[in-house]
């Protein structure tokens, strides 16, 4: 299977990619390198801000500045949280993850017909979407 032109980055993947972290798997890194466009969900902006607010993530700058800077990277496209995505997140078939942010990410991937680059084992185990790690 060829690498898709558009992928969705899970929140941790987005943070690790921008930090050039070695936490990314080699397959995730390769998929990101080959993709011409990476989607970042608006819910990931909220998740990053919450992680910073809770002291679970430290950034080298203010979180709002970090988000703005990270979204200005040429390959990155902000994917809005639309009413269609919100409703779909409540209607996911099977046994989706319970975390609301994960459900929004899954619905976003379904609407945009793209895989999610994620380490999250619950998302990777959800067979209604394609994941890469």
Foldseek 3Di string as FASTA:
>chain_A
DDQDQEAEEDLVRLVCVVVVHPVADPFLVVSVVPHQAYEYEPVSLVVQQVCVVVVNDDDPDDSVVVVVVSCPPNRYDYDYQDPQLQVQLVVDPDDADPPSSSSSSVSSCVVVVHEYADPDPRSCPPPVGHYID
